[in-house]
Amino acid sequence: MTLELNQIYNMDCVEGLSQLERNSIDLLLTDPPFGIDFHKVGSQYNRKQKELGKMYHEVPASDYYEFTLSWLSKCHKVMKAEASGFIFSGWNHLGDILNALTELKLRIINHCVWKFQFGVFTKKRFVTSHYHILYFTKLKIKDDKQRTFNRIPEYSSSPGKLYFEDVWRIKRDYQKGGEKTPTRLPLAVTDKCIRMASNEGDTVLEPFLGSGSVVLSAIKYKRNYVGFEISEKIFQIAQKRINSLEKDLNSKDKSLEFWLNQDGK
């Protein structure tokens, strides 16, 4: 069985990735589970247990490397020879992800840092206010000219020049009211990744769909997509966001330019 593109699936990504065509993905863009228990550290991550409920599926720390290797090896098989990818990570299991990339001979191009303001007071430690973003490719250095890297002026760090730094200063996407997902990437981040590392008509893969930001950016910028989410509740949240965007994009009252400037809140 081969799954269809431009669909999201409520299933384990390891199972789902096995049903995708080989060499069909242009860009992998994903924010996998952290490998930490949000129910025990909710105050550090601006999340409360009553908001999360039991919808978040976490991975035991002891299993994190094997877990990462299992899904990333499946991604490797479905990525095109010239494909690239972004993996978001906290610092807790960054080493496991780096080791898995090395094991699969995926070449790291940049180790970017997403810096954001985080209003949590701490007495005996530094406040965590960044994500790691590992930007990598299947291509060898000798073939690197085949890699898509769109030099978009608005992302330049120096006015009037095409100069792109590996530290990104983008506000977090705070979720107000209602049932929340543990983390949600702001569209400013997923937009940047998709616009710079893929082209119109390319196919973007998100194995850990979450609330659907990667798919929203793919739709906005006319990329194909496929996504997986194991939690039914989180899947429903993502589907609702996607349906809402598609409805608004097709509305006579809302232009595409209006929605391209929205931050996803």
C-alpha atoms as a PDB file:
ATOM      1  CA  MET A   1       0.000   0.000   0.000  1.00  0.00           C
ATOM      2  CA  THR A   2       1.233   3.513  -0.834  1.00  0.00           C
ATOM      3  CA  LEU A   3      -0.150   6.471   1.089  1.00  0.00           C
ATOM      4  CA  GLU A   4      -1.415   9.542  -0.736  1.00  0.00           C
ATOM      5  CA  LEU A   5       0.270  12.922  -0.642  1.00  0.00           C
ATOM      6  CA  ASN A   6      -1.388  16.055   0.746  1.00  0.00           C
ATOM      7  CA  GLN A   7      -2.895  14.025   3.561  1.00  0.00           C
ATOM      8  CA  ILE A   8      -2.169  13.669   7.266  1.00  0.00           C
ATOM      9  CA  TYR A   9      -2.452  10.316   9.003  1.00  0.00           C
ATOM     10  CA  ASN A  10      -3.309   9.387  12.579  1.00  0.00           C
ATOM     11  CA  MET A  11      -0.723   6.637  12.916  1.00  0.00           C
ATOM     12  CA  ASP A  12       2.758   5.781  14.190  1.00  0.00           C
ATOM     13  CA  CYS A  13       5.214   7.385  11.786  1.00  0.00           C
ATOM     14  CA  VAL A  14       7.418   4.260  11.638  1.00  0.00           C
ATOM     15  CA  GLU A  15       4.449   2.329  10.280  1.00  0.00           C
ATOM     16  CA  GLY A  16       3.420   5.158   7.997  1.00  0.00           C
ATOM     17  CA  LEU A  17       6.879   5.790   6.567  1.00  0.00           C
ATOM     18  CA  SER A  18       7.011   2.169   5.446  1.00  0.00           C
ATOM     19  CA  GLN A  19       4.027   2.922   3.181  1.00  0.00           C
ATOM     20  CA  LEU A  20       5.573   5.885   1.367  1.00  0.00           C
ATOM     21  CA  GLU A  21       7.290   5.558  -1.973  1.00  0.00           C
ATOM     22  CA  ARG A  22      11.076   5.456  -1.859  1.00  0.00           C
ATOM     23  CA  ASN A  23      12.876   8.551  -3.132  1.00  0.00           C
ATOM     24  CA  SER A  24       9.703  10.649  -2.992  1.00  0.00           C
ATOM     25  CA  ILE A  25      10.512  13.300  -0.347  1.00  0.00           C
ATOM     26  CA  ASP A  26      12.331  16.561  -1.070  1.00  0.00           C
ATOM     27  CA  LEU A  27      12.434  17.977   2.469  1.00  0.00           C
ATOM     28  CA  LEU A  28      12.160  16.440   5.924  1.00  0.00           C
ATOM     29  CA  LEU A  29      11.046  18.995   8.513  1.00  0.00           C
ATOM     30  CA  THR A  30      10.233  17.683  11.959  1.00  0.00           C
ATOM     31  CA  ASP A  31      10.042  18.399  15.675  1.00  0.00           C
ATOM     32  CA  PRO A  32      10.185  14.937  17.329  1.00  0.00           C
ATOM     33  CA  PRO A  33       9.318  14.166  20.974  1.00  0.00           C
ATOM     34  CA  PHE A  34      11.786  15.565  23.505  1.00  0.00           C
ATOM     35  CA  GLY A  35      12.291  12.399  25.528  1.00  0.00           C
ATOM     36  CA  ILE A  36      11.227  14.157  28.751  1.00  0.00           C
ATOM     37  CA  ASP A  37       8.121  13.927  30.913  1.00  0.00           C
ATOM     38  CA  PHE A  38       6.064  17.109  30.479  1.00  0.00           C
ATOM     39  CA  HIS A  39       3.777  16.066  33.315  1.00  0.00           C
ATOM     40  CA  LYS A  40       6.680  16.370  35.754  1.00  0.00           C
ATOM     41  CA  VAL A  41       8.245  19.549  34.357  1.00  0.00           C
ATOM     42  CA  GLY A  42       5.183  21.406  33.118  1.00  0.00           C
ATOM     43  CA  SER A  43       6.139  24.668  34.795  1.00  0.00           C
ATOM     44  CA  GLN A  44       9.435  24.757  32.880  1.00  0.00           C
ATOM     45  CA  TYR A  45       7.710  24.415  29.541  1.00  0.00           C
ATOM     46  CA  ASN A  46       4.711  26.662  30.179  1.00  0.00           C
ATOM     47  CA  ARG A  47       2.342  23.703  30.099  1.00  0.00           C
ATOM     48  CA  LYS A  48       0.003  22.358  32.776  1.00  0.00           C
ATOM     49  CA  GLN A  49      -0.972  18.715  33.194  1.00  0.00           C
ATOM     50  CA  LYS A  50      -4.687  19.499  32.950  1.00  0.00           C
ATOM     51  CA  GLU A  51      -4.086  21.146  29.570  1.00  0.00           C
ATOM     52  CA  LEU A  52      -2.034  18.262  28.184  1.00  0.00           C
ATOM     53  CA  GLY A  53      -4.154  15.437  29.504  1.00  0.00           C
ATOM     54  CA  LYS A  54      -2.881  12.094  28.240  1.00  0.00           C
ATOM     55  CA  MET A  55      -2.581  13.066  24.595  1.00  0.00           C
ATOM     56  CA  TYR A  56       1.195  13.452  24.463  1.00  0.00           C
ATOM     57  CA  HIS A  57       3.136  10.264  23.669  1.00  0.00           C
ATOM     58  CA  GLU A  58       6.621  10.515  25.120  1.00  0.00           C
ATOM     59  CA  VAL A  59       9.689   8.339  24.611  1.00  0.00           C
ATOM     60  CA  PRO A  60      11.680   6.957  27.578  1.00  0.00           C
ATOM     61  CA  ALA A  61      15.123   8.527  27.798  1.00  0.00           C
ATOM     62  CA  SER A  62      16.770   5.090  27.779  1.00  0.00           C
ATOM     63  CA  ASP A  63      15.172   4.286  24.409  1.00  0.00           C
ATOM     64  CA  TYR A  64      15.713   7.621  22.717  1.00  0.00           C
ATOM     65  CA  TYR A  65      18.660   6.720  20.483  1.00  0.00           C
ATOM     66  CA  GLU A  66      17.038   3.531  19.158  1.00  0.00           C
ATOM     67  CA  PHE A  67      13.768   5.421  18.711  1.00  0.00           C
ATOM     68  CA  THR A  68      15.540   8.140  16.720  1.00  0.00           C
ATOM     69  CA  LEU A  69      17.415   5.640  14.590  1.00  0.00           C
ATOM     70  CA  SER A  70      14.208   3.725  13.820  1.00  0.00           C
ATOM     71  CA  TRP A  71      12.236   6.665  12.406  1.00  0.00           C
ATOM     72  CA  LEU A  72      15.193   8.474  10.847  1.00  0.00           C
ATOM     73  CA  SER A  73      16.315   5.360   8.951  1.00  0.00           C
ATOM     74  CA  LYS A  74      12.803   5.122   7.484  1.00  0.00           C
ATOM     75  CA  CYS A  75      12.988   8.785   6.480  1.00  0.00           C
ATOM     76  CA  HIS A  76      16.357   8.178   4.843  1.00  0.00           C
ATOM     77  CA  LYS A  77      14.781   5.594   2.528  1.00  0.00           C
ATOM     78  CA  VAL A  78      11.951   7.831   1.341  1.00  0.00           C
ATOM     79  CA  MET A  79      14.085  10.975   0.899  1.00  0.00           C
ATOM     80  CA  LYS A  80      15.358  11.723  -2.596  1.00  0.00           C
ATOM     81  CA  ALA A  81      19.097  11.566  -3.252  1.00  0.00           C
ATOM     82  CA  GLU A  82      19.272  15.370  -3.271  1.00  0.00           C
ATOM     83  CA  ALA A  83      16.915  15.856  -0.296  1.00  0.00           C
ATOM     84  CA  SER A  84      17.707  17.791   2.842  1.00  0.00           C
ATOM     85  CA  GLY A  85      16.104  18.088   6.257  1.00  0.00           C
ATOM     86  CA  PHE A  86      15.682  20.009   9.493  1.00  0.00           C
ATOM     87  CA  ILE A  87      15.329  18.323  12.887  1.00  0.00           C
ATOM     88  CA  PHE A  88      14.362  20.434  15.903  1.00  0.00           C
ATOM     89  CA  SER A  89      15.601  19.345  19.301  1.00  0.00           C
ATOM     90  CA  GLY A  90      15.999  20.442  22.879  1.00  0.00           C
ATOM     91  CA  TRP A  91      19.387  19.897  24.467  1.00  0.00           C
ATOM     92  CA  ASN A  92      18.346  16.790  26.438  1.00  0.00           C
ATOM     93  CA  HIS A  93      18.814  14.238  23.638  1.00  0.00           C
ATOM     94  CA  LEU A  94      20.650  16.259  21.046  1.00  0.00           C
ATOM     95  CA  GLY A  95      23.554  13.805  21.210  1.00  0.00           C
ATOM     96  CA  ASP A  96      21.294  10.893  20.282  1.00  0.00           C
ATOM     97  CA  ILE A  97      20.057  12.714  17.187  1.00  0.00           C
ATOM     98  CA  LEU A  98      23.577  13.702  16.149  1.00  0.00           C
ATOM     99  CA  ASN A  99      24.743  10.102  16.559  1.00  0.00           C
ATOM    100  CA  ALA A 100      21.817   8.779  14.528  1.00  0.00           C
ATOM    101  CA  LEU A 101      22.540  11.233  11.694  1.00  0.00           C
ATOM    102  CA  THR A 102      26.165  10.088  11.705  1.00  0.00           C
ATOM    103  CA  GLU A 103      25.164   6.420  11.744  1.00  0.00           C
ATOM    104  CA  LEU A 104      23.003   6.937   8.651  1.00  0.00           C
ATOM    105  CA  LYS A 105      25.728   8.977   6.904  1.00  0.00           C
ATOM    106  CA  LEU A 106      23.544  12.055   6.659  1.00  0.00           C
ATOM    107  CA  ARG A 107      25.770  15.122   6.294  1.00  0.00           C
ATOM    108  CA  ILE A 108      25.157  18.019   8.688  1.00  0.00           C
ATOM    109  CA  ILE A 109      25.314  21.365   6.912  1.00  0.00           C
ATOM    110  CA  ASN A 110      24.509  23.660   9.848  1.00  0.00           C
ATOM    111  CA  HIS A 111      23.796  23.412  13.529  1.00  0.00           C
ATOM    112  CA  CYS A 112      21.418  26.349  13.914  1.00  0.00           C
ATOM    113  CA  VAL A 113      20.009  27.778  17.135  1.00  0.00           C
ATOM    114  CA  TRP A 114      16.513  29.188  17.397  1.00  0.00           C
ATOM    115  CA  LYS A 115      16.625  31.820  20.156  1.00  0.00           C
ATOM    116  CA  PHE A 116      13.360  32.933  21.733  1.00  0.00           C
ATOM    117  CA  GLN A 117      12.247  34.848  24.802  1.00  0.00           C
ATOM    118  CA  PHE A 118      11.020  32.527  27.559  1.00  0.00           C
ATOM    119  CA  GLY A 119       9.381  34.048  30.631  1.00  0.00           C
ATOM    120  CA  VAL A 120      10.167  31.385  33.245  1.00  0.00           C
ATOM    121  CA  PHE A 121      11.910  32.421  36.455  1.00  0.00           C
ATOM    122  CA  THR A 122      14.687  30.141  37.747  1.00  0.00           C
ATOM    123  CA  LYS A 123      16.825  30.418  40.887  1.00  0.00           C
ATOM    124  CA  LYS A 124      19.583  27.831  40.424  1.00  0.00           C
ATOM    125  CA  ARG A 125      19.997  27.393  36.676  1.00  0.00           C
ATOM    126  CA  PHE A 126      20.002  29.314  33.412  1.00  0.00           C
ATOM    127  CA  VAL A 127      16.650  29.668  31.678  1.00  0.00           C
ATOM    128  CA  THR A 128      16.324  27.456  28.616  1.00  0.00           C
ATOM    129  CA  SER A 129      15.408  29.829  25.785  1.00  0.00           C
ATOM    130  CA  HIS A 130      16.522  28.105  22.603  1.00  0.00           C
ATOM    131  CA  TYR A 131      16.020  25.120  20.318  1.00  0.00           C
ATOM    132  CA  HIS A 132      18.646  23.330  18.302  1.00  0.00           C
ATOM    133  CA  ILE A 133      17.977  22.950  14.564  1.00  0.00           C
ATOM    134  CA  LEU A 134      20.070  20.399  12.691  1.00  0.00           C
ATOM    135  CA  TYR A 135      20.127  21.115   8.968  1.00  0.00           C
ATOM    136  CA  PHE A 136      21.402  18.141   6.960  1.00  0.00           C
ATOM    137  CA  THR A 137      21.383  16.472   3.551  1.00  0.00           C
ATOM    138  CA  LYS A 138      21.799  13.105   1.855  1.00  0.00           C
ATOM    139  CA  LEU A 139      24.183  14.672  -0.657  1.00  0.00           C
ATOM    140  CA  LYS A 140      27.931  14.267  -0.500  1.00  0.00           C
ATOM    141  CA  ILE A 141      30.004  17.448  -0.580  1.00  0.00           C
ATOM    142  CA  LYS A 142      30.971  16.874  -4.213  1.00  0.00           C
ATOM    143  CA  ASP A 143      27.294  16.897  -5.224  1.00  0.00           C
ATOM    144  CA  ASP A 144      26.224  19.814  -3.028  1.00  0.00           C
ATOM    145  CA  LYS A 145      25.283  22.037  -5.983  1.00  0.00           C
ATOM    146  CA  GLN A 146      22.146  19.927  -6.339  1.00  0.00           C
ATOM    147  CA  ARG A 147      20.878  21.007  -2.902  1.00  0.00           C
ATOM    148  CA  THR A 148      18.080  23.582  -2.768  1.00  0.00           C
ATOM    149  CA  PHE A 149      19.026  26.662  -0.761  1.00  0.00           C
ATOM    150  CA  ASN A 150      16.950  29.678  -1.727  1.00  0.00           C
ATOM    151  CA  ARG A 151      18.661  32.917  -0.709  1.00  0.00           C
ATOM    152  CA  ILE A 152      15.581  34.885   0.294  1.00  0.00           C
ATOM    153  CA  PRO A 153      16.417  38.539   1.076  1.00  0.00           C
ATOM    154  CA  GLU A 154      13.899  38.943   3.900  1.00  0.00           C
ATOM    155  CA  TYR A 155      15.760  36.306   5.944  1.00  0.00           C
ATOM    156  CA  SER A 156      19.117  38.013   5.545  1.00  0.00           C
ATOM    157  CA  SER A 157      20.818  39.132   8.755  1.00  0.00           C
ATOM    158  CA  SER A 158      22.356  42.150   7.059  1.00  0.00           C
ATOM    159  CA  PRO A 159      20.233  44.754   5.229  1.00  0.00           C
ATOM    160  CA  GLY A 160      20.921  44.829   1.511  1.00  0.00           C
ATOM    161  CA  LYS A 161      23.038  41.681   1.588  1.00  0.00           C
ATOM    162  CA  LEU A 162      22.343  37.941   1.295  1.00  0.00           C
ATOM    163  CA  TYR A 163      23.894  36.972   4.624  1.00  0.00           C
ATOM    164  CA  PHE A 164      22.194  34.214   6.612  1.00  0.00           C
ATOM    165  CA  GLU A 165      23.205  33.524  10.212  1.00  0.00           C
ATOM    166  CA  ASP A 166      22.790  30.230  12.075  1.00  0.00           C
ATOM    167  CA  VAL A 167      21.110  31.942  15.057  1.00  0.00           C
ATOM    168  CA  TRP A 168      17.431  32.666  14.444  1.00  0.00           C
ATOM    169  CA  ARG A 169      15.612  35.106  16.736  1.00  0.00           C
ATOM    170  CA  ILE A 170      11.926  34.300  16.398  1.00  0.00           C
ATOM    171  CA  LYS A 171       9.200  34.626  19.030  1.00  0.00           C
ATOM    172  CA  ARG A 172       7.648  31.452  20.434  1.00  0.00           C
ATOM    173  CA  ASP A 173       4.077  30.588  19.534  1.00  0.00           C
ATOM    174  CA  TYR A 174       2.172  30.917  22.820  1.00  0.00           C
ATOM    175  CA  GLN A 175      -1.120  29.066  22.819  1.00  0.00           C
ATOM    176  CA  LYS A 176      -3.929  30.905  24.563  1.00  0.00           C
ATOM    177  CA  GLY A 177      -6.943  29.093  25.984  1.00  0.00           C
ATOM    178  CA  GLY A 178      -8.409  25.712  25.176  1.00  0.00           C
ATOM    179  CA  GLU A 179      -6.628  22.395  24.925  1.00  0.00           C
ATOM    180  CA  LYS A 180      -2.938  22.840  24.156  1.00  0.00           C
ATOM    181  CA  THR A 181      -0.292  20.730  22.507  1.00  0.00           C
ATOM    182  CA  PRO A 182       3.013  20.409  24.398  1.00  0.00           C
ATOM    183  CA  THR A 183       4.948  22.406  21.793  1.00  0.00           C
ATOM    184  CA  ARG A 184       3.950  24.278  18.668  1.00  0.00           C
ATOM    185  CA  LEU A 185       6.395  25.647  16.142  1.00  0.00           C
ATOM    186  CA  PRO A 186       5.520  29.184  15.043  1.00  0.00           C
ATOM    187  CA  LEU A 187       4.816  29.528  11.350  1.00  0.00           C
ATOM    188  CA  ALA A 188       7.650  32.048  11.119  1.00  0.00           C
ATOM    189  CA  VAL A 189      10.049  29.151  11.764  1.00  0.00           C
ATOM    190  CA  THR A 190       8.433  26.525   9.528  1.00  0.00           C
ATOM    191  CA  ASP A 191       7.905  29.091   6.769  1.00  0.00           C
ATOM    192  CA  LYS A 192      11.614  29.924   6.799  1.00  0.00           C
ATOM    193  CA  CYS A 193      12.707  26.288   6.568  1.00  0.00           C
ATOM    194  CA  ILE A 194      10.295  25.441   3.769  1.00  0.00           C
ATOM    195  CA  ARG A 195      10.949  28.554   1.708  1.00  0.00           C
ATOM    196  CA  MET A 196      14.733  28.307   1.901  1.00  0.00           C
ATOM    197  CA  ALA A 197      15.134  24.530   1.481  1.00  0.00           C
ATOM    198  CA  SER A 198      12.384  23.582  -0.994  1.00  0.00           C
ATOM    199  CA  ASN A 199      10.610  24.813  -4.114  1.00  0.00           C
ATOM    200  CA  GLU A 200       7.002  24.971  -5.278  1.00  0.00           C
ATOM    201  CA  GLY A 201       5.738  21.483  -6.061  1.00  0.00           C
ATOM    202  CA  ASP A 202       8.275  19.759  -3.798  1.00  0.00           C
ATOM    203  CA  THR A 203       7.084  17.287  -1.161  1.00  0.00           C
ATOM    204  CA  VAL A 204       7.611  17.974   2.552  1.00  0.00           C
ATOM    205  CA  LEU A 205       7.509  15.236   5.191  1.00  0.00           C
ATOM    206  CA  GLU A 206       6.624  15.733   8.886  1.00  0.00           C
ATOM    207  CA  PRO A 207       6.749  12.410  10.822  1.00  0.00           C
ATOM    208  CA  PHE A 208       5.678  14.076  14.106  1.00  0.00           C
ATOM    209  CA  LEU A 209       2.866  16.327  12.994  1.00  0.00           C
ATOM    210  CA  GLY A 210       1.978  17.901  16.337  1.00  0.00           C
ATOM    211  CA  SER A 211      -0.398  20.796  15.830  1.00  0.00           C
ATOM    212  CA  GLY A 212       0.393  20.946  12.110  1.00  0.00           C
ATOM    213  CA  SER A 213       2.612  24.014  11.607  1.00  0.00           C
ATOM    214  CA  VAL A 214       4.807  22.283   9.001  1.00  0.00           C
ATOM    215  CA  VAL A 215       1.777  21.327   6.906  1.00  0.00           C
ATOM    216  CA  LEU A 216       0.312  24.828   7.202  1.00  0.00           C
ATOM    217  CA  SER A 217       3.543  26.299   5.809  1.00  0.00           C
ATOM    218  CA  ALA A 218       3.607  23.692   3.038  1.00  0.00           C
ATOM    219  CA  ILE A 219       0.072  24.598   1.987  1.00  0.00           C
ATOM    220  CA  LYS A 220       0.792  28.340   2.088  1.00  0.00           C
ATOM    221  CA  TYR A 221       3.834  28.007  -0.154  1.00  0.00           C
ATOM    222  CA  LYS A 222       2.386  25.437  -2.582  1.00  0.00           C
ATOM    223  CA  ARG A 223       4.384  22.405  -1.505  1.00  0.00           C
ATOM    224  CA  ASN A 224       2.980  18.887  -1.336  1.00  0.00           C
ATOM    225  CA  TYR A 225       3.032  17.314   2.091  1.00  0.00           C
ATOM    226  CA  VAL A 226       2.504  14.192   4.155  1.00  0.00           C
ATOM    227  CA  GLY A 227       2.372  14.024   7.944  1.00  0.00           C
ATOM    228  CA  PHE A 228       1.920  11.517  10.748  1.00  0.00           C
ATOM    229  CA  GLU A 229       0.672  11.933  14.317  1.00  0.00           C
ATOM    230  CA  ILE A 230       0.232   9.041  16.727  1.00  0.00           C
ATOM    231  CA  SER A 231      -1.992  10.890  19.229  1.00  0.00           C
ATOM    232  CA  GLU A 232      -5.618  11.070  18.151  1.00  0.00           C
ATOM    233  CA  LYS A 233      -6.285  14.254  20.156  1.00  0.00           C
ATOM    234  CA  ILE A 234      -3.279  16.097  18.756  1.00  0.00           C
ATOM    235  CA  PHE A 235      -4.149  14.827  15.270  1.00  0.00           C
ATOM    236  CA  GLN A 236      -7.593  16.363  15.610  1.00  0.00           C
ATOM    237  CA  ILE A 237      -6.072  19.702  16.642  1.00  0.00           C
ATOM    238  CA  ALA A 238      -3.810  19.630  13.571  1.00  0.00           C
ATOM    239  CA  GLN A 239      -6.662  18.682  11.264  1.00  0.00           C
ATOM    240  CA  LYS A 240      -8.745  21.555  12.607  1.00  0.00           C
ATOM    241  CA  ARG A 241      -5.941  24.074  11.960  1.00  0.00           C
ATOM    242  CA  ILE A 242      -5.353  22.719   8.449  1.00  0.00           C
ATOM    243  CA  ASN A 243      -9.061  22.758   7.578  1.00  0.00           C
ATOM    244  CA  SER A 244      -9.346  26.324   8.876  1.00  0.00           C
ATOM    245  CA  LEU A 245      -6.418  27.540   6.777  1.00  0.00           C
ATOM    246  CA  GLU A 246      -7.678  25.833   3.623  1.00  0.00           C
ATOM    247  CA  LYS A 247     -11.132  27.336   4.161  1.00  0.00           C
ATOM    248  CA  ASP A 248      -9.691  30.808   4.644  1.00  0.00           C
ATOM    249  CA  LEU A 249      -7.381  30.533   1.634  1.00  0.00           C
ATOM    250  CA  ASN A 250     -10.410  29.679  -0.478  1.00  0.00           C
ATOM    251  CA  SER A 251     -12.486  32.495   0.999  1.00  0.00           C
ATOM    252  CA  LYS A 252     -13.277  35.496  -1.179  1.00  0.00           C
ATOM    253  CA  ASP A 253     -12.888  37.671   1.915  1.00  0.00           C
ATOM    254  CA  LYS A 254      -9.271  36.700   2.671  1.00  0.00           C
ATOM    255  CA  SER A 255      -6.451  37.092   0.181  1.00  0.00           C
ATOM    256  CA  LEU A 256      -3.408  34.807   0.041  1.00  0.00           C
ATOM    257  CA  GLU A 257      -1.189  37.761   0.898  1.00  0.00           C
ATOM    258  CA  PHE A 258      -3.128  38.286   4.139  1.00  0.00           C
ATOM    259  CA  TRP A 259      -2.599  34.695   5.290  1.00  0.00           C
ATOM    260  CA  LEU A 260       1.064  34.627   4.308  1.00  0.00           C
ATOM    261  CA  ASN A 261       1.611  37.351   6.892  1.00  0.00           C
ATOM    262  CA  GLN A 262      -0.155  35.550   9.729  1.00  0.00           C
ATOM    263  CA  ASP A 263       1.843  34.023  12.600  1.00  0.00           C
ATOM    264  CA  GLY A 264      -0.446  31.022  13.110  1.00  0.00           C
ATOM    265  CA  LYS A 265      -1.949  32.081  16.434  1.00  0.00           C
END
